[in-house]
N, C-alpha and C. Protein backbone atom coordinates (compact mmCIF):
# COMPACT_ATOMS: atom_id res chain seq x y z
N UNK A 1 20.04 -10.96 13.80
CA UNK A 1 19.00 -10.75 12.67
C UNK A 1 19.12 -10.40 11.64
N UNK A 2 18.46 -11.39 10.50
CA UNK A 2 18.70 -10.37 8.83
C UNK A 2 17.15 -10.57 8.42
N UNK A 3 17.96 -9.21 8.07
CA UNK A 3 16.62 -8.11 7.57
C UNK A 3 16.50 -8.54 5.90
N UNK A 4 14.69 -8.85 6.05
CA UNK A 4 14.69 -8.84 4.55
C UNK A 4 15.32 -7.44 3.89
N UNK A 5 15.89 -7.95 2.15
CA UNK A 5 16.08 -7.07 0.88
C UNK A 5 15.10 -5.98 0.58
N UNK A 6 15.40 -5.07 0.17
CA UNK A 6 14.15 -3.85 0.50
C UNK A 6 13.78 -3.94 -1.05
N UNK A 7 12.06 -4.26 -1.49
CA UNK A 7 13.06 -4.71 -3.10
C UNK A 7 11.19 -3.06 -4.10
N UNK A 8 11.28 -3.01 -4.78
CA UNK A 8 10.42 -2.18 -5.00
C UNK A 8 10.07 -2.80 -6.76
N UNK A 9 9.10 -3.68 -7.52
CA UNK A 9 8.88 -4.16 -8.92
C UNK A 9 9.96 -4.33 -8.45
N UNK A 10 10.73 -4.21 -10.70
CA UNK A 10 11.71 -5.38 -10.25
C UNK A 10 13.50 -5.21 -9.80
N UNK A 11 13.28 -4.05 -9.24
CA UNK A 11 14.71 -3.77 -8.28
C UNK A 11 14.57 -4.21 -6.75
N UNK A 12 16.11 -5.04 -6.68
CA UNK A 12 16.05 -4.99 -5.32
C UNK A 12 17.39 -4.37 -5.11
N UNK A 13 17.53 -3.86 -3.34
CA UNK A 13 18.67 -2.85 -3.06
C UNK A 13 19.96 -3.82 -2.90
N UNK A 14 21.42 -3.86 -2.70
CA UNK A 14 22.06 -4.78 -3.03
C UNK A 14 22.47 -4.59 -1.41
N UNK A 15 22.00 -3.39 -0.79
CA UNK A 15 21.68 -3.69 0.23
C UNK A 15 21.11 -2.44 1.15
N UNK A 16 20.42 -2.62 2.43
CA UNK A 16 18.48 -1.93 2.83
C UNK A 16 19.54 -0.42 2.39
N UNK A 17 18.14 0.51 3.13
CA UNK A 17 18.79 2.22 3.08
C UNK A 17 19.11 2.24 4.72
N UNK A 18 20.03 3.09 4.64
CA UNK A 18 20.91 3.94 5.98
C UNK A 18 19.69 3.43 7.02
N UNK A 19 18.37 4.97 6.69
CA UNK A 19 17.79 5.03 7.80
C UNK A 19 15.68 4.82 7.17
N UNK A 20 15.01 5.03 7.34
CA UNK A 20 13.92 4.70 7.17
C UNK A 20 12.76 5.84 8.33
N UNK A 21 11.80 6.78 7.77
CA UNK A 21 10.71 6.78 8.61
C UNK A 21 9.26 6.27 7.81
N UNK A 22 8.35 6.00 8.88
CA UNK A 22 7.29 5.17 8.60
C UNK A 22 6.10 6.45 8.61
N UNK A 23 5.44 7.31 8.07
CA UNK A 23 4.40 8.40 8.53
C UNK A 23 3.33 7.59 8.15
N UNK A 24 2.45 8.17 9.23
CA UNK A 24 0.47 7.46 9.07
C UNK A 24 0.41 9.26 8.84
N UNK A 25 -0.70 9.25 7.31
CA UNK A 25 -1.47 10.69 7.43
C UNK A 25 -2.96 10.64 7.22
N UNK A 26 -3.54 11.38 7.73
CA UNK A 26 -4.75 11.22 7.12
C UNK A 26 -5.78 12.19 6.23
N UNK A 27 -6.52 11.96 5.19
CA UNK A 27 -6.75 13.46 4.85
C UNK A 27 -8.11 14.08 5.26
N UNK A 28 -7.89 14.90 5.50
CA UNK A 28 -8.81 16.30 6.15
C UNK A 28 -8.87 17.87 5.71
N UNK A 29 -9.98 18.24 5.28
CA UNK A 29 -10.06 19.28 5.17
C UNK A 29 -10.18 20.19 6.12
N UNK A 30 -9.95 21.31 6.30
CA UNK A 30 -9.92 23.02 7.93
C UNK A 30 -10.58 23.57 7.19
N UNK A 31 -11.98 24.22 8.15
CA UNK A 31 -12.99 24.59 7.48
C UNK A 31 -13.20 25.78 8.46
N UNK A 32 -12.68 27.28 8.61
CA UNK A 32 -12.63 28.37 8.95
C UNK A 32 -14.05 29.20 9.36
N UNK A 33 -14.58 29.00 10.50
CA UNK A 33 -15.74 29.38 10.49
C UNK A 33 -15.28 31.18 11.49
N UNK A 34 -15.94 31.83 11.72
CA UNK A 34 -16.02 32.91 12.40
C UNK A 34 -15.55 33.32 14.00
N UNK A 35 -14.08 34.60 14.26
CA UNK A 35 -14.23 34.04 15.18
C UNK A 35 -13.07 33.25 15.89
N UNK A 36 -12.32 32.89 14.88
CA UNK A 36 -10.58 32.06 14.79
C UNK A 36 -11.04 30.55 15.73
N UNK A 37 -12.73 30.06 15.24
CA UNK A 37 -12.98 27.84 15.33
C UNK A 37 -12.54 27.26 14.37
N UNK A 38 -12.57 26.66 13.53
CA UNK A 38 -12.39 25.42 12.18
C UNK A 38 -12.79 24.20 12.94
N UNK A 39 -13.31 23.80 11.46
CA UNK A 39 -14.68 22.71 11.57
C UNK A 39 -13.42 22.20 10.82
N UNK A 40 -13.38 20.49 10.94
CA UNK A 40 -12.10 19.35 10.54
C UNK A 40 -13.46 18.99 9.39
N UNK A 41 -12.79 18.38 8.54
CA UNK A 41 -13.45 17.70 7.92
C UNK A 41 -12.54 16.12 7.14
N UNK A 42 -13.08 15.34 7.43
CA UNK A 42 -12.04 13.66 7.30
C UNK A 42 -12.57 13.83 5.58
N UNK A 43 -11.60 13.83 4.69
CA UNK A 43 -11.83 13.04 3.29
C UNK A 43 -12.14 11.79 2.93
N UNK A 44 -11.95 11.03 3.97
CA UNK A 44 -11.28 9.63 3.97
C UNK A 44 -10.48 8.78 3.16
N UNK A 45 -9.82 8.22 4.10
CA UNK A 45 -8.81 7.78 4.00
C UNK A 45 -7.54 7.86 4.83
N UNK A 46 -6.79 7.20 4.76
CA UNK A 46 -5.28 6.97 6.24
C UNK A 46 -4.52 6.60 4.97
N UNK A 47 -3.31 6.74 4.55
CA UNK A 47 -2.04 5.96 4.60
C UNK A 47 -1.13 5.95 4.67
N UNK A 48 0.26 5.71 4.42
CA UNK A 48 1.54 5.55 5.22
C UNK A 48 2.34 6.32 3.92
N UNK A 49 3.41 6.88 4.86
CA UNK A 49 4.44 7.25 3.50
C UNK A 49 5.42 6.68 4.57
N UNK A 50 5.82 6.01 3.34
CA UNK A 50 7.54 6.04 4.05
C UNK A 50 9.06 6.65 3.14
N UNK A 51 9.83 7.23 3.66
CA UNK A 51 10.20 8.08 3.43
C UNK A 51 12.33 7.44 4.14
N UNK A 52 13.41 7.39 3.36
CA UNK A 52 14.74 6.62 3.82
C UNK A 52 15.47 7.26 3.13
N UNK A 53 17.01 7.37 3.38
CA UNK A 53 18.43 7.29 2.92
C UNK A 53 18.68 6.52 2.93
N UNK A 54 19.72 6.74 1.95
CA UNK A 54 20.58 5.18 1.91
C UNK A 54 21.69 5.57 0.54
N UNK A 55 22.86 4.40 0.77
CA UNK A 55 23.75 5.35 -0.28
C UNK A 55 24.31 3.57 -0.41
N UNK A 56 25.11 3.86 -1.97
CA UNK A 56 25.25 2.90 -2.82
C UNK A 56 26.57 3.40 -3.05
N UNK A 57 27.44 2.26 -2.80
CA UNK A 57 29.16 2.75 -2.16
C UNK A 57 29.85 1.91 -3.77
N UNK A 58 30.75 1.89 -4.15
CA UNK A 58 31.63 1.07 -4.50
C UNK A 58 32.15 1.26 -6.28
N UNK A 59 32.73 0.53 -7.33
CA UNK A 59 33.03 0.92 -8.59
C UNK A 59 31.34 0.53 -8.98
N UNK A 60 30.03 0.43 -8.85
CA UNK A 60 29.02 0.03 -9.93
C UNK A 60 28.38 1.48 -9.33
N UNK A 61 28.82 1.76 -8.26
CA UNK A 61 27.72 2.88 -7.40
C UNK A 61 26.90 3.95 -8.47
N UNK A 62 26.81 4.04 -8.68
CA UNK A 62 26.33 4.60 -10.06
C UNK A 62 25.25 4.66 -10.98
N UNK A 63 25.98 3.36 -11.72
CA UNK A 63 25.44 2.59 -12.13
C UNK A 63 23.64 1.58 -11.09
N UNK A 64 23.78 1.72 -9.96
CA UNK A 64 22.51 0.71 -9.27
C UNK A 64 21.73 2.33 -9.28
N UNK A 65 22.41 3.68 -8.84
CA UNK A 65 21.33 4.55 -8.58
C UNK A 65 19.95 5.18 -10.23
N UNK A 66 21.35 4.77 -11.03
CA UNK A 66 20.69 4.47 -12.53
C UNK A 66 19.83 3.69 -12.60
N UNK A 67 19.62 2.79 -12.09
CA UNK A 67 18.94 1.55 -12.16
C UNK A 67 17.74 1.34 -11.06
N UNK A 68 17.95 2.23 -9.95
CA UNK A 68 16.99 2.63 -9.47
C UNK A 68 15.84 4.20 -10.00
N UNK A 69 16.53 4.85 -10.66
CA UNK A 69 15.71 5.95 -11.54
C UNK A 69 14.96 5.55 -12.43
N UNK A 70 15.64 4.66 -13.36
CA UNK A 70 14.92 3.88 -14.12
C UNK A 70 13.41 3.29 -13.98
N UNK A 71 13.41 2.42 -12.66
CA UNK A 71 12.32 1.64 -12.02
C UNK A 71 11.28 3.20 -11.77
N UNK A 72 11.64 4.50 -10.96
CA UNK A 72 11.15 5.48 -10.31
C UNK A 72 10.52 5.87 -12.14
N UNK A 73 10.67 5.76 -13.01
CA UNK A 73 10.60 6.54 -13.83
C UNK A 73 9.42 6.02 -14.89
N UNK A 74 9.47 4.82 -14.42
CA UNK A 74 8.14 3.19 -14.88
C UNK A 74 6.93 4.27 -14.57
N UNK A 75 6.42 5.25 -13.42
CA UNK A 75 5.71 5.24 -12.90
C UNK A 75 4.40 4.24 -12.60
N UNK A 76 3.09 4.62 -11.83
CA UNK A 76 2.10 3.87 -11.79
C UNK A 76 2.89 2.80 -10.22
N UNK A 77 1.84 2.11 -9.31
CA UNK A 77 1.73 1.80 -8.49
C UNK A 77 2.87 0.26 -8.91
N UNK A 78 3.39 0.08 -7.84
CA UNK A 78 4.56 -1.59 -7.51
C UNK A 78 3.79 -2.09 -6.61
N UNK A 79 4.97 -2.83 -6.41
CA UNK A 79 4.66 -4.09 -4.83
C UNK A 79 6.05 -3.69 -4.08
N UNK A 80 5.78 -3.25 -2.99
CA UNK A 80 7.19 -2.91 -2.26
C UNK A 80 7.84 -3.56 -1.23
N UNK A 81 8.45 -4.50 -0.80
CA UNK A 81 8.72 -5.29 -0.06
C UNK A 81 9.82 -4.00 0.73
N UNK A 82 9.56 -3.95 2.31
CA UNK A 82 10.66 -2.85 2.98
C UNK A 82 10.58 -4.08 4.55
N UNK A 83 11.59 -4.41 4.88
CA UNK A 83 12.16 -4.75 7.32
C UNK A 83 11.26 -3.60 7.31
N UNK A 84 11.00 -3.01 6.76
CA UNK A 84 10.23 -2.45 8.52
C UNK A 84 8.20 -2.47 8.02
N UNK A 85 8.65 -3.36 7.00
CA UNK A 85 6.66 -2.15 6.72
C UNK A 85 6.41 -3.44 5.98
N UNK A 86 4.75 -3.61 6.31
CA UNK A 86 4.54 -5.14 5.53
C UNK A 86 4.24 -4.19 4.50
N UNK A 87 4.46 -5.34 3.21
CA UNK A 87 4.40 -5.84 1.51
C UNK A 87 3.02 -4.75 1.30
N UNK A 88 3.23 -3.92 0.30
CA UNK A 88 2.36 -2.85 0.02
C UNK A 88 2.33 -2.60 -1.36
N UNK A 89 1.34 -2.73 -1.81
CA UNK A 89 1.87 -1.93 -3.23
C UNK A 89 2.08 -0.07 -2.81
N UNK A 90 2.41 0.44 -3.80
CA UNK A 90 3.05 1.59 -3.36
C UNK A 90 3.37 2.45 -4.39
N UNK A 91 3.60 4.04 -4.89
CA UNK A 91 3.71 4.82 -5.12
C UNK A 91 5.07 5.17 -5.43
N UNK A 92 6.23 5.36 -6.19
CA UNK A 92 7.27 6.03 -5.99
C UNK A 92 7.49 7.27 -6.10
N UNK A 93 7.33 8.27 -4.90
CA UNK A 93 6.95 9.56 -4.99
C UNK A 93 8.19 10.35 -5.46
N UNK A 94 9.17 9.87 -4.58
CA UNK A 94 10.19 11.30 -5.17
C UNK A 94 11.71 10.12 -4.87
N UNK A 95 12.67 10.51 -5.62
CA UNK A 95 14.26 9.72 -5.44
C UNK A 95 15.33 11.13 -5.57
N UNK A 96 15.78 11.26 -4.73
CA UNK A 96 17.17 12.60 -4.79
C UNK A 96 18.44 12.04 -4.49
N UNK A 97 19.08 12.47 -5.41
CA UNK A 97 20.95 12.34 -5.42
C UNK A 97 21.19 13.59 -4.22
N UNK A 98 21.41 12.88 -3.02
CA UNK A 98 21.71 14.40 -1.86
C UNK A 98 22.26 14.79 -1.74
N UNK A 99 23.41 14.79 -2.23
CA UNK A 99 25.12 15.23 -2.95
C UNK A 99 25.69 15.10 -3.97
N UNK A 100 26.83 16.26 -4.81
CA UNK A 100 27.13 15.00 -5.98
C UNK A 100 27.55 13.64 -5.82
N UNK A 101 27.30 13.62 -7.49
CA UNK A 101 27.85 12.22 -6.99
C UNK A 101 28.81 11.34 -7.51
N UNK A 102 29.38 11.07 -7.08
CA UNK A 102 30.80 10.52 -7.06
C UNK A 102 31.49 9.52 -7.94
N UNK A 103 32.28 8.36 -8.55
CA UNK A 103 32.21 7.45 -9.34
C UNK A 103 31.93 6.46 -7.99
N UNK A 104 32.14 6.26 -7.12
CA UNK A 104 32.42 4.96 -6.09
C UNK A 104 30.94 5.56 -5.17
N UNK A 105 30.30 6.42 -4.95
CA UNK A 105 29.88 6.91 -4.19
C UNK A 105 28.37 7.50 -4.22
N UNK A 106 26.93 7.22 -4.04
CA UNK A 106 25.85 7.72 -4.29
C UNK A 106 25.12 8.07 -3.43
N UNK A 107 24.94 9.38 -1.99
CA UNK A 107 23.82 8.96 -1.19
C UNK A 107 23.58 9.83 -1.77
N UNK A 108 21.82 9.20 -1.96
CA UNK A 108 20.24 9.20 -2.24
C UNK A 108 18.86 9.31 -0.92
N UNK A 109 17.84 9.56 -1.37
CA UNK A 109 16.82 9.75 -0.55
C UNK A 109 15.88 9.13 -1.64
N UNK A 110 14.52 8.56 -1.11
CA UNK A 110 13.39 8.16 -1.45
C UNK A 110 11.81 8.51 -0.90
N UNK A 111 11.20 7.88 -0.88
CA UNK A 111 9.94 8.51 -0.30
C UNK A 111 8.99 7.61 -1.63
N UNK A 112 7.96 6.74 -0.75
CA UNK A 112 7.10 5.99 -0.98
C UNK A 112 5.33 6.59 -0.60
N UNK A 113 4.26 6.22 -1.08
CA UNK A 113 3.28 6.43 -0.42
C UNK A 113 2.29 5.17 -0.87
N UNK A 114 1.97 4.93 0.32
CA UNK A 114 1.02 3.21 -0.20
C UNK A 114 -0.59 3.75 -0.47
N UNK A 115 -0.51 2.76 -1.48
CA UNK A 115 -1.12 2.86 -2.43
C UNK A 115 -2.47 1.89 -1.81
N UNK A 116 -3.33 2.98 -1.13
CA UNK A 116 -4.78 2.36 -0.16
C UNK A 116 -5.94 2.52 -0.66
N UNK A 117 -6.08 1.61 -2.37
CA UNK A 117 -6.68 1.77 -3.09
C UNK A 117 -6.50 0.08 -3.05
N UNK A 118 -5.61 -0.35 -3.27
CA UNK A 118 -5.74 -1.45 -3.33
C UNK A 118 -6.33 -1.76 -4.53
N UNK A 119 -5.58 -0.72 -5.59
CA UNK A 119 -6.20 -1.20 -7.41
C UNK A 119 -5.43 -1.55 -8.21
N UNK A 120 -5.95 -2.58 -8.57
CA UNK A 120 -5.19 -3.66 -9.83
C UNK A 120 -5.10 -3.49 -10.75
N UNK A 121 -4.39 -2.30 -11.38
CA UNK A 121 -4.56 -2.90 -12.73
C UNK A 121 -4.95 -0.80 -12.91
N UNK A 122 -4.98 0.41 -12.05
CA UNK A 122 -4.90 1.80 -12.00
C UNK A 122 -6.46 1.86 -11.75
N UNK A 123 -6.87 2.85 -11.60
CA UNK A 123 -7.56 3.94 -10.97
C UNK A 123 -9.08 3.42 -12.49
N UNK A 124 -10.47 3.21 -12.52
CA UNK A 124 -11.34 3.78 -12.85
C UNK A 124 -12.67 3.61 -12.62
N UNK A 125 -13.50 4.77 -13.68
CA UNK A 125 -14.38 5.51 -13.24
C UNK A 125 -15.42 4.92 -12.50
N UNK A 126 -15.99 5.26 -10.87
CA UNK A 126 -17.25 4.88 -10.84
C UNK A 126 -17.76 5.97 -9.99
N UNK A 127 -19.20 5.93 -9.40
CA UNK A 127 -19.94 6.96 -9.44
C UNK A 127 -18.95 7.25 -7.47
N UNK A 128 -18.33 6.46 -7.16
CA UNK A 128 -18.05 6.94 -5.68
C UNK A 128 -18.87 6.95 -4.26
N UNK A 129 -19.75 5.76 -4.74
CA UNK A 129 -20.74 5.43 -3.74
C UNK A 129 -21.86 6.74 -3.54
N UNK A 130 -21.67 7.29 -4.28
CA UNK A 130 -22.91 8.42 -4.27
C UNK A 130 -23.59 8.12 -5.24
N UNK A 131 -25.31 8.90 -4.66
CA UNK A 131 -25.74 8.07 -6.07
C UNK A 131 -26.67 9.33 -6.64
N UNK A 132 -27.05 9.25 -7.73
CA UNK A 132 -27.56 9.84 -8.97
C UNK A 132 -29.20 9.47 -9.04
N UNK A 133 -29.47 10.99 -8.96
CA UNK A 133 -31.32 10.45 -9.49
C UNK A 133 -30.92 11.03 -10.83
N UNK A 134 -31.75 10.85 -11.95
CA UNK A 134 -31.86 11.46 -12.66
C UNK A 134 -33.22 12.30 -13.09
N UNK A 135 -34.10 12.99 -13.87
CA UNK A 135 -35.82 13.80 -14.38
C UNK A 135 -36.56 13.07 -14.57
N UNK A 136 -37.46 12.57 -12.97
CA UNK A 136 -38.56 11.79 -13.77
C UNK A 136 -38.37 10.13 -13.59
N UNK A 137 -37.35 10.48 -12.05
CA UNK A 137 -37.19 9.24 -11.82
C UNK A 137 -37.32 9.54 -10.44
N UNK A 138 -38.22 8.52 -9.55
CA UNK A 138 -37.72 8.84 -7.57
C UNK A 138 -36.44 9.36 -7.80
N UNK A 139 -36.54 10.89 -7.20
CA UNK A 139 -35.87 11.77 -6.01
C UNK A 139 -35.16 12.47 -7.65
N UNK A 140 -35.38 12.77 -8.37
CA UNK A 140 -35.57 13.92 -9.87
C UNK A 140 -35.90 15.20 -9.20
N UNK A 141 -35.16 16.08 -9.65
CA UNK A 141 -36.19 17.41 -9.09
C UNK A 141 -36.70 17.89 -10.23
N UNK A 142 -37.37 17.38 -10.96
CA UNK A 142 -37.19 17.97 -12.50
C UNK A 142 -36.95 18.69 -13.19
N UNK A 143 -37.43 19.38 -14.53
CA UNK A 143 -36.65 19.40 -15.78
C UNK A 143 -35.26 20.03 -16.05
N UNK A 144 -34.96 20.64 -14.79
CA UNK A 144 -33.48 21.23 -14.49
C UNK A 144 -32.63 19.91 -14.48
N UNK A 145 -32.58 19.37 -14.12
CA UNK A 145 -31.02 18.14 -14.32
C UNK A 145 -31.60 17.04 -12.94
N UNK A 146 -29.95 16.54 -12.89
CA UNK A 146 -29.78 15.48 -11.64
C UNK A 146 -29.89 15.58 -10.69
N UNK A 147 -29.73 15.21 -9.77
CA UNK A 147 -29.43 14.61 -8.10
C UNK A 147 -28.18 14.59 -7.50
N UNK A 148 -27.25 15.09 -7.52
CA UNK A 148 -26.43 14.05 -6.99
C UNK A 148 -26.56 13.90 -5.16
N UNK A 149 -26.34 12.79 -4.73
CA UNK A 149 -26.34 13.27 -3.05
C UNK A 149 -24.69 12.52 -2.46
N UNK A 150 -24.52 13.58 -1.82
CA UNK A 150 -23.13 13.09 -1.15
C UNK A 150 -23.16 12.31 -0.42
N UNK A 151 -21.82 12.13 -0.57
CA UNK A 151 -21.02 11.20 0.69
C UNK A 151 -20.23 11.28 1.27
N UNK A 152 -19.46 10.48 1.76
CA UNK A 152 -18.10 11.25 2.96
C UNK A 152 -17.24 11.18 1.80
N UNK A 153 -16.17 12.13 1.74
CA UNK A 153 -14.84 12.26 0.76
C UNK A 153 -15.72 13.22 -0.27
N UNK A 154 -16.77 13.35 -0.56
CA UNK A 154 -16.87 14.78 -1.37
C UNK A 154 -16.66 16.00 -1.35
N UNK A 155 -16.48 16.64 -2.56
CA UNK A 155 -16.48 17.86 -2.18
C UNK A 155 -17.11 18.37 -3.84
N UNK A 156 -17.65 19.36 -3.53
CA UNK A 156 -18.57 20.28 -5.00
C UNK A 156 -17.27 20.34 -6.21
N UNK A 157 -16.29 20.57 -5.56
CA UNK A 157 -15.16 20.41 -7.15
C UNK A 157 -15.05 19.20 -7.55
N UNK A 158 -15.18 18.42 -6.72
CA UNK A 158 -15.22 16.63 -7.76
C UNK A 158 -16.20 16.81 -8.62
N UNK A 159 -17.32 16.48 -7.47
CA UNK A 159 -19.11 16.56 -8.00
C UNK A 159 -19.33 17.07 -9.34
N UNK A 160 -18.34 17.98 -9.87
CA UNK A 160 -18.51 19.39 -10.50
C UNK A 160 -17.88 18.05 -11.51
N UNK A 161 -16.02 18.30 -11.74
CA UNK A 161 -15.41 17.13 -12.86
C UNK A 161 -16.36 16.30 -12.86
N UNK A 162 -16.93 14.79 -12.11
CA UNK A 162 -17.05 14.06 -12.43
C UNK A 162 -18.47 14.27 -13.28
N UNK A 163 -18.90 15.12 -13.09
CA UNK A 163 -20.68 15.07 -14.09
C UNK A 163 -19.99 16.53 -15.22
N UNK A 164 -18.59 16.74 -15.67
CA UNK A 164 -18.79 17.64 -16.38
C UNK A 164 -18.89 18.56 -16.65
N UNK A 165 -19.23 19.53 -15.66
CA UNK A 165 -19.87 20.95 -15.73
C UNK A 165 -19.70 21.89 -14.74
N UNK A 166 -19.37 22.80 -15.44
CA UNK A 166 -18.34 24.27 -14.62
C UNK A 166 -18.95 24.30 -13.16
N UNK A 167 -17.44 24.04 -12.07
CA UNK A 167 -17.60 24.64 -10.96
C UNK A 167 -19.06 25.50 -10.06
N UNK A 168 -18.10 26.63 -11.17
CA UNK A 168 -19.70 27.35 -10.71
C UNK A 168 -20.73 27.74 -11.56
N UNK A 169 -21.35 26.83 -11.49
CA UNK A 169 -22.47 26.19 -12.63
C UNK A 169 -23.45 25.93 -11.41
N UNK A 170 -21.80 24.73 -11.11
CA UNK A 170 -22.97 23.56 -9.80
C UNK A 170 -22.99 24.17 -8.25
N UNK A 171 -22.40 25.52 -8.65
CA UNK A 171 -22.51 26.68 -6.71
C UNK A 171 -23.93 27.41 -6.68
N UNK A 172 -23.95 27.28 -8.43
CA UNK A 172 -25.14 28.68 -8.74
C UNK A 172 -27.00 28.09 -8.64
N UNK A 173 -26.58 26.37 -9.23
CA UNK A 173 -27.57 25.85 -9.07
C UNK A 173 -28.25 25.24 -7.62
N UNK A 174 -27.17 25.44 -6.83
CA UNK A 174 -27.31 25.50 -5.47
C UNK A 174 -27.16 25.57 -4.34
N UNK A 175 -28.43 27.11 -4.56
CA UNK A 175 -27.74 27.72 -3.32
C UNK A 175 -28.36 27.89 -2.02
N UNK A 176 -28.88 26.70 -1.64
CA UNK A 176 -29.07 26.20 -0.13
C UNK A 176 -28.13 25.64 0.37
N UNK A 177 -26.70 25.93 -0.64
CA UNK A 177 -25.30 26.06 0.19
C UNK A 177 -25.13 26.49 0.66
N UNK A 178 -24.83 27.07 1.57
CA UNK A 178 -24.77 27.83 2.02
C UNK A 178 -22.80 28.43 1.75
N UNK A 179 -22.05 27.41 2.09
CA UNK A 179 -20.78 27.47 2.17
C UNK A 179 -19.96 26.25 1.23
N UNK A 180 -19.85 26.68 0.17
CA UNK A 180 -19.60 25.74 -0.53
C UNK A 180 -18.48 24.28 -0.68
N UNK A 181 -17.18 24.84 0.00
CA UNK A 181 -16.35 23.83 1.13
C UNK A 181 -17.14 23.20 2.12
N UNK A 182 -18.13 23.42 2.60
CA UNK A 182 -18.56 22.50 3.51
C UNK A 182 -20.01 21.72 3.30
N UNK A 183 -19.62 20.62 2.49
CA UNK A 183 -21.28 20.13 1.94
C UNK A 183 -20.73 18.68 3.46
N UNK A 184 -21.86 17.77 3.14
CA UNK A 184 -22.26 17.07 3.86
C UNK A 184 -23.06 15.34 2.90
N UNK A 185 -22.52 14.66 3.69
CA UNK A 185 -23.05 13.26 3.76
C UNK A 185 -24.66 13.36 3.67
N UNK A 186 -25.25 12.85 2.65
CA UNK A 186 -26.89 13.05 2.60
C UNK A 186 -27.16 14.10 2.08
N UNK A 187 -26.37 16.04 2.39
CA UNK A 187 -27.14 17.23 1.28
C UNK A 187 -26.89 16.37 -0.44
N UNK A 188 -28.13 17.11 -1.54
CA UNK A 188 -28.37 16.67 -2.08
C UNK A 188 -28.03 18.23 -3.04
N UNK A 189 -27.11 17.41 -4.07
CA UNK A 189 -27.00 18.84 -5.14
C UNK A 189 -26.98 18.22 -6.53
N UNK A 190 -27.79 19.94 -6.29
CA UNK A 190 -28.83 19.61 -8.00
C UNK A 190 -27.09 20.08 -8.66
N UNK A 191 -28.03 18.93 -9.87
CA UNK A 191 -27.35 19.54 -11.34
C UNK A 191 -27.62 20.58 -11.96
N UNK A 192 -26.77 21.80 -12.54
CA UNK A 192 -27.44 22.17 -14.13
C UNK A 192 -27.52 21.86 -15.01
């Protein structure tokens, strides 16, 4: 059986890497509560991580590594075609020469993270699915400011950053939130 050659953006490996590890991850926060217990909060989104190692050998081994390094330095997500992983948009997270490169031999390792969002041209600002009620409109909370309705994956830090307010001011404006590290979908957060 002939395996598909590994490709990323405009680079095609002359021969596939020797080893691969595909790891599935989920974003989760752990909140510790008294007496050694904890609560897990899913932050949304699972993604895969692809790690591997390989060798370039022959008189152009170091040139091949430099070409791969140039692709790494481009940044941004790209199309990854891999023999054991379905074609996916991914970020090239790391590239290492794992021993002293010789003119005709380079051992390397790499890591890619799947782009779960399926974005086509980078991230764009959105309300993240949360809703915002302004003063004077239904759901508003009086003259002080707007109210944000928490959605899955929201954190107070993220809400503060989204609306450009200091986190400490946001926490002070919401005394009903007893643990600032633990908010739930449907909670209302007043903006200062």
